[in-house]
């Protein structure tokens, strides 16, 4: 009891900020509508809404017909089946859990570091290019936020063992890590490959130091390989890849090696847009760490470099993917933020010339964040009200027997730079599958939305 009270006393500010963070994320989740793939994953083939009992049969069919991400898509359907209120609650908890996991990995063995926790969330807010799809869109959040959370929770055990000489081992832990590895490896293709790379490298580093290697580490790695194999070898993955590759290489004349060479060069170009600033920030803190590190623990530096290298592996793994949408950068950048956080958490803040500027910069960026959040919240409120009105129109037309509903008036997001994350309207004026998906969700054939 005394230890619990002491822990709560030391962590009270992190707990308070986490509660405020949950409230802020929930506010945006509350206003963001069910949309895009949410419509599809909410419906069974017979037109009924997906219930908890339908999730496993649905994912079984999905595994053989469209994709192998069974774990994260099951999470998406669980949130959708829970209803809008509870789905938003669960999704908001997921974000806070991820932020805390990153913080705990980066701040391992250190005292409470409020500026680190704040800084992690500021980097996520300002540097992730598609935060709406990663955190507030339920299906996107399940794929990227929740997939990243599962992977980071899994590798946190390895990070702790690496930094703390944790030699605890048991049959229960081996079994638990094997099963957890299957779940973590069955989340997202490029991140599963990156996770396996991370664990193998960490095991090699432990062996290089001639330390005892716990068997649970090997069982966890084996589980990760099994989960990754289940996902990558999914029959549905081949179906989806063929469809997407046909769209990208519709002429069929381009040789495969040229297509993947083009993918590689294109990814390098994309990286300069989304990855360059996080890398520059990382290099700045690497310089500060080498000059002002708190102690000479080389494991901190090695772990930070490994997180950064793993981000690079996650990027290169996308060469094998047909497309590289903005939302995929979420987990890659989280790896870089963790690498940076490890360096920041182990700076010697007794050096005033280091401490004061960093605190001032963090404080200024925090003030910008509050303004940005308020502007974004206003945009989310607008699209929430617009979709509430659209639902009223769709249901009214449905009552009249109209099967193909046409609505006029599209949402336009604010052009302000401070509005981040930016949201926008759904292309129901041109994309047929979206028109059909929205229609099925509301019990009509199609829903189309055009400008006035």
Protein backbone atom coordinates (compact mmCIF):
# COMPACT_ATOMS: atom_id res chain seq x y z
CA UNK A 1 0.00 0.00 0.00
CA UNK A 2 2.83 2.38 0.90
CA UNK A 3 4.58 1.66 -2.39
CA UNK A 4 1.35 2.29 -4.31
CA UNK A 5 0.85 5.65 -2.58
CA UNK A 6 4.45 6.65 -3.26
CA UNK A 7 4.06 5.68 -6.93
CA UNK A 8 0.86 7.71 -7.29
CA UNK A 9 2.51 10.68 -5.56
CA UNK A 10 5.46 10.59 -7.94
CA UNK A 11 3.35 10.03 -11.04
CA UNK A 12 0.45 12.34 -10.20
CA UNK A 13 1.34 14.95 -12.82
CA UNK A 14 1.68 12.34 -15.56
CA UNK A 15 -1.69 10.90 -14.46
CA UNK A 16 -3.26 14.38 -14.54
CA UNK A 17 -1.86 15.14 -18.00
CA UNK A 18 -3.04 11.72 -19.21
CA UNK A 19 -6.58 12.50 -18.04
CA UNK A 20 -6.49 15.86 -19.84
CA UNK A 21 -5.05 14.16 -22.91
CA UNK A 22 -7.86 11.60 -22.87
CA UNK A 23 -10.45 14.40 -22.62
CA UNK A 24 -8.88 16.25 -25.55
CA UNK A 25 -8.65 13.18 -27.78
CA UNK A 26 -12.15 12.08 -26.83
CA UNK A 27 -13.48 15.54 -27.77
CA UNK A 28 -12.17 15.11 -31.31
CA UNK A 29 -13.25 11.45 -31.47
CA UNK A 30 -16.75 12.47 -30.40
CA UNK A 31 -17.13 14.90 -33.29
CA UNK A 32 -15.57 12.73 -35.99
CA UNK A 33 -18.22 10.71 -37.87
CA UNK A 34 -18.37 7.05 -38.82
CA UNK A 35 -17.03 7.04 -42.37
CA UNK A 36 -15.25 5.25 -45.24
CA UNK A 37 -14.31 1.64 -44.32
CA UNK A 38 -16.26 2.04 -41.06
CA UNK A 39 -19.41 1.71 -43.16
CA UNK A 40 -18.15 -1.58 -44.65
CA UNK A 41 -16.92 -3.15 -41.40
CA UNK A 42 -20.17 -2.23 -39.67
CA UNK A 43 -22.26 -4.35 -42.05
CA UNK A 44 -22.71 -8.08 -42.66
CA UNK A 45 -23.26 -9.49 -46.13
CA UNK A 46 -27.00 -9.81 -45.43
CA UNK A 47 -27.30 -6.09 -44.65
CA UNK A 48 -27.48 -6.45 -40.85
CA UNK A 49 -25.16 -4.55 -38.48
CA UNK A 50 -22.10 -6.43 -37.24
CA UNK A 51 -22.43 -7.62 -33.63
CA UNK A 52 -19.73 -8.97 -31.31
CA UNK A 53 -20.72 -12.52 -32.30
CA UNK A 54 -20.18 -11.71 -36.00
CA UNK A 55 -16.57 -10.52 -35.68
CA UNK A 56 -14.77 -13.88 -35.86
CA UNK A 57 -16.84 -15.27 -38.81
CA UNK A 58 -16.47 -11.93 -40.60
CA UNK A 59 -12.69 -11.90 -40.13
CA UNK A 60 -12.44 -15.53 -41.24
CA UNK A 61 -14.08 -14.64 -44.54
CA UNK A 62 -12.05 -11.42 -44.76
CA UNK A 63 -8.79 -13.38 -44.29
CA UNK A 64 -9.47 -15.49 -47.38
CA UNK A 65 -10.99 -12.79 -49.57
CA UNK A 66 -9.31 -9.45 -48.97
CA UNK A 67 -6.57 -9.05 -46.33
CA UNK A 68 -4.58 -10.64 -43.54
CA UNK A 69 -4.75 -7.96 -40.84
CA UNK A 70 -7.22 -9.98 -38.82
CA UNK A 71 -6.18 -8.65 -35.39
CA UNK A 72 -6.51 -4.93 -36.12
CA UNK A 73 -9.64 -5.35 -38.22
CA UNK A 74 -11.20 -7.33 -35.37
CA UNK A 75 -10.36 -4.38 -33.08
CA UNK A 76 -12.04 -2.03 -35.56
CA UNK A 77 -15.18 -4.14 -35.64
CA UNK A 78 -15.18 -4.43 -31.85
CA UNK A 79 -15.19 -0.64 -31.52
CA UNK A 80 -17.86 -0.27 -34.20
CA UNK A 81 -20.03 -2.96 -32.62
CA UNK A 82 -19.65 -1.26 -29.22
CA UNK A 83 -21.59 1.75 -30.49
CA UNK A 84 -20.44 5.29 -31.17
CA UNK A 85 -20.10 6.35 -27.51
CA UNK A 86 -18.11 3.35 -26.28
CA UNK A 87 -16.15 3.13 -29.52
CA UNK A 88 -14.93 6.70 -29.02
CA UNK A 89 -14.10 5.98 -25.37
CA UNK A 90 -12.09 2.86 -26.26
CA UNK A 91 -10.31 4.62 -29.12
CA UNK A 92 -9.33 7.56 -26.90
CA UNK A 93 -7.96 5.19 -24.26
CA UNK A 94 -5.89 3.56 -27.00
CA UNK A 95 -4.18 6.85 -27.85
CA UNK A 96 -3.35 7.64 -24.23
CA UNK A 97 -2.04 4.09 -23.75
CA UNK A 98 0.28 4.49 -26.75
CA UNK A 99 1.60 7.86 -25.51
CA UNK A 100 2.26 6.37 -22.07
CA UNK A 101 3.97 3.31 -23.58
CA UNK A 102 6.33 5.49 -25.61
CA UNK A 103 7.03 7.58 -22.51
CA UNK A 104 7.73 4.52 -20.34
CA UNK A 105 10.16 3.06 -22.89
CA UNK A 106 11.98 6.37 -23.36
CA UNK A 107 12.07 7.27 -19.67
CA UNK A 108 12.97 3.85 -18.29
CA UNK A 109 14.91 4.03 -14.99
CA UNK A 110 14.53 7.83 -14.79
CA UNK A 111 12.51 10.15 -12.58
CA UNK A 112 9.20 11.61 -13.73
CA UNK A 113 9.77 13.75 -16.83
CA UNK A 114 6.72 15.87 -17.64
CA UNK A 115 8.40 17.73 -20.50
CA UNK A 116 9.23 14.41 -22.17
CA UNK A 117 5.62 13.23 -22.02
CA UNK A 118 4.38 16.58 -23.34
CA UNK A 119 7.06 16.59 -26.05
CA UNK A 120 6.07 13.12 -27.28
CA UNK A 121 2.49 14.25 -27.79
CA UNK A 122 3.56 17.51 -29.44
CA UNK A 123 5.65 15.60 -31.97
CA UNK A 124 2.73 13.30 -32.72
CA UNK A 125 0.36 16.25 -33.15
CA UNK A 126 2.55 18.39 -35.39
CA UNK A 127 4.68 15.86 -37.32
CA UNK A 128 2.33 12.96 -38.13
CA UNK A 129 0.95 13.81 -41.61
CA UNK A 130 -2.41 12.02 -41.41
CA UNK A 131 -3.46 12.13 -37.77
CA UNK A 132 -7.18 12.11 -38.59
CA UNK A 133 -6.88 8.74 -40.33
CA UNK A 134 -4.49 7.37 -37.70
CA UNK A 135 -6.35 8.35 -34.53
CA UNK A 136 -9.95 9.47 -35.16
CA UNK A 137 -11.17 7.37 -38.10
CA UNK A 138 -12.08 4.09 -36.37
CA UNK A 139 -10.83 1.68 -39.05
CA UNK A 140 -7.65 3.70 -39.59
CA UNK A 141 -7.06 3.95 -35.86
CA UNK A 142 -7.43 0.19 -35.43
CA UNK A 143 -4.90 -0.43 -38.21
CA UNK A 144 -2.28 2.12 -37.18
CA UNK A 145 -2.84 3.45 -33.65
CA UNK A 146 -3.86 0.10 -32.16
CA UNK A 147 -1.45 -1.91 -34.30
CA UNK A 148 1.41 0.33 -33.16
CA UNK A 149 0.24 0.10 -29.54
CA UNK A 150 0.29 -3.71 -29.62
CA UNK A 151 3.77 -3.78 -31.14
CA UNK A 152 5.16 -1.22 -28.69
CA UNK A 153 3.66 -2.99 -25.69
CA UNK A 154 5.28 -6.19 -26.94
CA UNK A 155 8.76 -4.76 -27.55
CA UNK A 156 8.63 -2.82 -24.26
CA UNK A 157 9.43 -6.12 -22.49
CA UNK A 158 12.56 -6.50 -24.61
CA UNK A 159 13.60 -2.89 -23.99
CA UNK A 160 13.19 -3.36 -20.24
CA UNK A 161 15.24 -6.58 -20.30
CA UNK A 162 17.96 -4.91 -22.36
CA UNK A 163 18.28 -1.87 -20.08
CA UNK A 164 17.78 -3.61 -16.74
CA UNK A 165 19.42 -7.05 -17.02
CA UNK A 166 16.00 -8.57 -16.41
CA UNK A 167 16.65 -12.31 -16.07
CA UNK A 168 13.20 -13.39 -14.88
CA UNK A 169 11.97 -16.39 -16.83
CA UNK A 170 9.20 -18.95 -16.46
CA UNK A 171 6.98 -21.22 -18.51
CA UNK A 172 4.08 -18.84 -18.02
CA UNK A 173 6.10 -15.90 -19.33
CA UNK A 174 7.35 -17.91 -22.31
CA UNK A 175 3.81 -18.94 -23.22
CA UNK A 176 2.46 -15.43 -22.70
CA UNK A 177 5.19 -13.86 -24.85
CA UNK A 178 4.68 -16.45 -27.59
CA UNK A 179 0.96 -15.68 -27.75
CA UNK A 180 1.55 -11.92 -27.46
CA UNK A 181 4.12 -12.23 -30.26
CA UNK A 182 1.53 -13.83 -32.54
CA UNK A 183 -0.89 -10.95 -31.88
CA UNK A 184 1.77 -8.24 -32.34
CA UNK A 185 3.13 -9.86 -35.50
CA UNK A 186 -0.37 -10.14 -36.97
CA UNK A 187 -1.06 -6.40 -37.04
CA UNK A 188 0.55 -4.54 -39.95
CA UNK A 189 2.89 -5.80 -42.67
CA UNK A 190 5.76 -3.34 -42.68
CA UNK A 191 5.71 -2.85 -38.90
CA UNK A 192 5.68 -6.60 -38.25
CA UNK A 193 8.83 -6.93 -40.36
CA UNK A 194 10.36 -3.96 -38.51
CA UNK A 195 9.40 -5.47 -35.14
CA UNK A 196 11.14 -8.76 -35.97
CA UNK A 197 14.23 -6.82 -37.07
CA UNK A 198 14.18 -4.88 -33.78
CA UNK A 199 13.92 -8.01 -31.61
CA UNK A 200 16.61 -9.92 -33.52
CA UNK A 201 19.01 -6.97 -33.21
CA UNK A 202 18.27 -6.58 -29.50
CA UNK A 203 18.90 -10.29 -28.91
CA UNK A 204 22.21 -10.01 -30.79
CA UNK A 205 23.21 -7.01 -28.68
CA UNK A 206 22.48 -8.97 -25.50
CA UNK A 207 24.52 -11.89 -26.77
CA UNK A 208 27.36 -9.56 -27.79
CA UNK A 209 27.53 -8.35 -24.18
CA UNK A 210 27.73 -12.02 -23.13
CA UNK A 211 24.62 -11.68 -21.01
CA UNK A 212 22.16 -14.47 -20.25
CA UNK A 213 19.43 -14.66 -22.87
CA UNK A 214 16.04 -15.49 -21.36
CA UNK A 215 14.04 -18.12 -23.22
CA UNK A 216 10.93 -15.91 -23.21
CA UNK A 217 12.74 -13.60 -25.65
CA UNK A 218 13.10 -16.44 -28.14
CA UNK A 219 9.51 -17.58 -27.59
CA UNK A 220 8.32 -14.02 -28.19
CA UNK A 221 10.37 -13.79 -31.40
CA UNK A 222 8.96 -17.12 -32.56
CA UNK A 223 5.44 -15.87 -31.86
CA UNK A 224 6.14 -12.69 -33.83
CA UNK A 225 7.35 -14.74 -36.79
CA UNK A 226 4.25 -16.97 -36.64
CA UNK A 227 1.89 -13.97 -36.47
CA UNK A 228 3.69 -12.21 -39.30
CA UNK A 229 3.52 -15.37 -41.42
CA UNK A 230 -0.23 -15.74 -40.79
CA UNK A 231 -0.72 -12.16 -41.99
CA UNK A 232 1.62 -12.17 -45.00
CA UNK A 233 0.47 -15.58 -46.25
CA UNK A 234 -3.21 -14.68 -46.07
CA UNK A 235 -4.96 -15.65 -49.36
CA UNK A 236 -6.83 -12.35 -49.14
CA UNK A 237 -3.54 -10.44 -49.24
CA UNK A 238 -2.80 -11.83 -52.69
CA UNK A 239 -6.26 -10.84 -53.91
CA UNK A 240 -5.85 -7.30 -52.62
CA UNK A 241 -2.28 -6.93 -53.95
CA UNK A 242 -3.32 -8.07 -57.41
CA UNK A 243 -6.14 -5.52 -57.50
CA UNK A 244 -3.91 -2.66 -56.31
CA UNK A 245 -1.00 -3.63 -58.59
CA UNK A 246 -3.33 -3.79 -61.59
CA UNK A 247 -4.47 -0.26 -60.85
CA UNK A 248 -0.88 1.00 -60.53
CA UNK A 249 0.48 -0.94 -63.50
CA UNK A 250 -2.64 -1.09 -65.63
CA UNK A 251 -0.76 -1.50 -68.90
CA UNK A 252 0.92 -4.69 -67.64
CA UNK A 253 3.97 -3.85 -69.79
CA UNK A 254 6.30 -2.69 -67.03
CA UNK A 255 8.72 -5.43 -65.79
CA UNK A 256 8.39 -6.31 -62.11
CA UNK A 257 11.95 -5.24 -61.27
CA UNK A 258 11.36 -1.81 -62.84
CA UNK A 259 8.14 -1.42 -60.90
CA UNK A 260 9.87 -2.09 -57.56
CA UNK A 261 12.83 0.10 -58.51
CA UNK A 262 10.36 2.90 -59.16
CA UNK A 263 8.72 2.15 -55.79
CA UNK A 264 12.11 2.44 -54.05
CA UNK A 265 13.02 5.77 -55.63
CA UNK A 266 9.52 7.14 -55.05
CA UNK A 267 9.63 6.16 -51.37
CA UNK A 268 12.94 8.02 -50.98
CA UNK A 269 11.28 11.13 -52.43
CA UNK A 270 8.29 10.76 -50.10
CA UNK A 271 10.66 10.34 -47.14
CA UNK A 272 12.14 13.78 -47.73
CA UNK A 273 8.68 15.22 -47.13
CA UNK A 274 7.59 13.30 -44.04
CA UNK A 275 10.78 11.89 -42.53
CA UNK A 276 13.34 14.67 -42.96
CA UNK A 277 12.21 16.94 -40.10
CA UNK A 278 11.98 14.09 -37.53
CA UNK A 279 15.47 12.97 -38.58
CA UNK A 280 16.84 16.50 -38.17
CA UNK A 281 15.26 16.72 -34.70
CA UNK A 282 16.77 13.34 -33.87
CA UNK A 283 20.25 14.43 -35.00
CA UNK A 284 19.98 17.61 -32.91
CA UNK A 285 19.20 15.59 -29.80
CA UNK A 286 21.92 13.10 -30.69
CA UNK A 287 24.39 15.99 -30.64
CA UNK A 288 22.99 17.26 -27.32
CA UNK A 289 23.07 13.76 -25.85
CA UNK A 290 26.70 13.15 -26.81
CA UNK A 291 27.63 16.51 -25.29
CA UNK A 292 25.32 16.61 -22.23
CA UNK A 293 24.42 12.99 -21.44
CA UNK A 294 23.47 12.25 -17.84
CA UNK A 295 25.66 9.16 -17.57
CA UNK A 296 27.76 6.96 -19.79
CA UNK A 297 25.27 4.11 -20.29
CA UNK A 298 25.96 2.96 -23.85
CA UNK A 299 22.77 0.90 -23.84
CA UNK A 300 20.67 4.07 -24.07
CA UNK A 301 22.53 5.14 -27.19
CA UNK A 302 22.35 1.68 -28.72
CA UNK A 303 18.61 1.37 -28.05
CA UNK A 304 17.98 4.81 -29.52
CA UNK A 305 19.98 3.98 -32.63
CA UNK A 306 18.10 0.69 -32.95
CA UNK A 307 14.73 2.45 -32.85
CA UNK A 308 15.94 4.85 -35.56
CA UNK A 309 17.29 2.00 -37.69
CA UNK A 310 14.00 0.11 -37.25
CA UNK A 311 12.14 3.14 -38.62
CA UNK A 312 14.36 2.89 -41.70
CA UNK A 313 13.56 -0.81 -42.06
CA UNK A 314 9.83 -0.04 -41.79
CA UNK A 315 10.22 2.45 -44.65
CA UNK A 316 12.18 0.03 -46.85
CA UNK A 317 9.60 -2.71 -46.20
CA UNK A 318 7.05 -0.53 -48.01
CA UNK A 319 8.88 -1.18 -51.30
CA UNK A 320 7.03 -4.51 -51.38
CA UNK A 321 3.65 -2.82 -50.87
CA UNK A 322 1.60 -1.64 -53.85
CA UNK A 323 0.83 1.75 -52.28
CA UNK A 324 2.29 3.96 -49.53
CA UNK A 325 -0.50 6.20 -48.17
CA UNK A 326 0.25 9.00 -45.72
CA UNK A 327 -1.31 7.11 -42.82
CA UNK A 328 1.44 4.45 -42.96
CA UNK A 329 3.93 7.04 -41.69
CA UNK A 330 2.30 6.99 -38.24
CA UNK A 331 4.10 3.93 -36.83
CA UNK A 332 7.35 4.81 -38.61
CA UNK A 333 7.40 8.24 -37.00
CA UNK A 334 6.46 6.79 -33.61
CA UNK A 335 9.68 4.76 -33.83
CA UNK A 336 11.65 7.96 -34.50
CA UNK A 337 9.90 9.83 -31.68
CA UNK A 338 10.82 7.02 -29.29
CA UNK A 339 14.44 7.13 -30.48
CA UNK A 340 14.47 10.89 -29.85
CA UNK A 341 12.69 10.50 -26.50
CA UNK A 342 15.38 8.11 -25.25
CA UNK A 343 18.04 10.74 -25.90
CA UNK A 344 15.97 13.58 -24.41
CA UNK A 345 15.14 11.61 -21.24
CA UNK A 346 18.82 10.99 -20.54
CA UNK A 347 20.13 14.53 -20.96
CA UNK A 348 21.77 16.19 -17.98
CA UNK A 349 19.20 18.86 -17.13
CA UNK A 350 21.38 20.22 -14.34
CA UNK A 351 23.08 22.17 -17.15
CA UNK A 352 21.14 25.45 -17.17
CA UNK A 353 22.20 26.37 -20.71
CA UNK A 354 20.56 23.16 -21.86
CA UNK A 355 17.54 23.05 -19.58
CA UNK A 356 16.20 26.60 -20.02
CA UNK A 357 16.13 26.74 -23.86
CA UNK A 358 14.51 23.29 -24.13
CA UNK A 359 11.84 24.16 -21.58
CA UNK A 360 11.15 27.49 -23.30
CA UNK A 361 10.81 25.82 -26.71
CA UNK A 362 8.52 23.13 -25.27
CA UNK A 363 6.39 25.80 -23.58
CA UNK A 364 6.06 27.87 -26.77
CA UNK A 365 5.14 24.85 -28.89
CA UNK A 366 2.59 23.85 -26.23
CA UNK A 367 0.90 27.26 -26.54
CA UNK A 368 0.76 26.83 -30.33
CA UNK A 369 -0.73 23.39 -29.75
CA UNK A 370 -3.62 24.77 -27.66
CA UNK A 371 -4.50 27.23 -30.41
CA UNK A 372 -4.16 24.52 -33.07
CA UNK A 373 -6.34 22.14 -31.07
CA UNK A 374 -9.09 24.73 -30.68
CA UNK A 375 -9.06 25.48 -34.43
CA UNK A 376 -9.19 21.78 -35.25
CA UNK A 377 -12.00 21.21 -32.77
CA UNK A 378 -14.05 23.85 -34.58
CA UNK A 379 -13.52 22.03 -37.88
CA UNK A 380 -14.49 18.71 -36.29
CA UNK A 381 -17.65 20.32 -34.89
CA UNK A 382 -18.59 21.59 -38.34
CA UNK A 383 -18.21 18.23 -40.06
CA UNK A 384 -20.10 16.59 -37.18
CA UNK A 385 -23.04 18.96 -37.66
CA UNK A 386 -22.92 18.53 -41.44
CA UNK A 387 -23.06 14.73 -41.15
CA UNK A 388 -25.88 14.95 -38.60
CA UNK A 389 -27.87 16.92 -41.17
CA UNK A 390 -26.95 14.47 -43.93
CA UNK A 391 -28.16 11.54 -41.84
CA UNK A 392 -31.46 13.35 -41.29
CA UNK A 393 -31.83 13.86 -45.06
CA UNK A 394 -30.88 10.26 -45.91
CA UNK A 395 -33.34 8.80 -43.40
CA UNK A 396 -36.09 11.18 -44.57
CA UNK A 397 -35.50 10.17 -48.21
CA UNK A 398 -35.46 6.52 -47.16
CA UNK A 399 -38.88 6.94 -45.57
CA UNK A 400 -40.13 8.27 -48.92
CA UNK A 401 -38.85 5.15 -50.69
CA UNK A 402 -35.90 6.88 -52.39
CA UNK A 403 -33.09 4.37 -52.93
CA UNK A 404 -30.45 6.63 -54.51
CA UNK A 405 -30.05 9.67 -52.28
CA UNK A 406 -28.44 12.84 -53.61
CA UNK A 407 -27.31 15.57 -51.20
CA UNK A 408 -25.88 18.97 -52.08
CA UNK A 409 -23.30 20.90 -50.08
CA UNK A 410 -19.80 19.66 -49.27
CA UNK A 411 -17.63 20.43 -46.25
CA UNK A 412 -14.50 22.52 -46.80
CA UNK A 413 -11.84 22.42 -44.10
CA UNK A 414 -10.18 25.59 -42.88
CA UNK A 415 -7.09 26.66 -44.81
CA UNK A 416 -5.33 27.84 -41.65
CA UNK A 417 -1.92 26.27 -40.98
CA UNK A 418 -2.90 25.97 -37.33
CA UNK A 419 -5.71 23.55 -38.12
CA UNK A 420 -3.95 20.27 -37.47
CA UNK A 421 -5.00 17.54 -37.81
CA UNK A 422 -6.91 18.61 -40.90
CA UNK A 423 -10.07 16.81 -41.84
CA UNK A 424 -12.03 16.93 -45.05
CA UNK A 425 -15.14 15.65 -46.76
CA UNK A 426 -15.67 12.21 -48.25
CA UNK A 427 -15.52 11.89 -52.07
CA UNK A 428 -19.11 10.73 -52.43
CA UNK A 429 -19.35 12.76 -55.62
CA UNK A 430 -17.07 10.43 -57.60
CA UNK A 431 -16.06 7.18 -55.85
CA UNK A 432 -18.62 4.45 -56.58
CA UNK A 433 -17.66 1.97 -53.84
CA UNK A 434 -17.98 4.71 -51.23
CA UNK A 435 -21.41 5.68 -52.55
CA UNK A 436 -22.48 2.03 -52.29
CA UNK A 437 -20.91 1.53 -48.84
CA UNK A 438 -22.56 4.62 -47.41
CA UNK A 439 -25.88 3.55 -48.95
CA UNK A 440 -25.73 0.07 -47.43
CA UNK A 441 -24.89 1.55 -44.02
CA UNK A 442 -28.07 3.66 -44.09
CA UNK A 443 -30.24 1.05 -45.80
CA UNK A 444 -30.45 2.55 -49.30
CA UNK A 445 -28.65 1.77 -52.56
CA UNK A 446 -26.30 4.75 -52.87
CA UNK A 447 -25.59 8.13 -51.29
CA UNK A 448 -24.04 10.85 -53.44
CA UNK A 449 -22.93 14.27 -52.26
CA UNK A 450 -22.18 17.14 -54.66
CA UNK A 451 -21.27 20.79 -54.39
CA UNK A 452 -24.17 23.21 -54.41
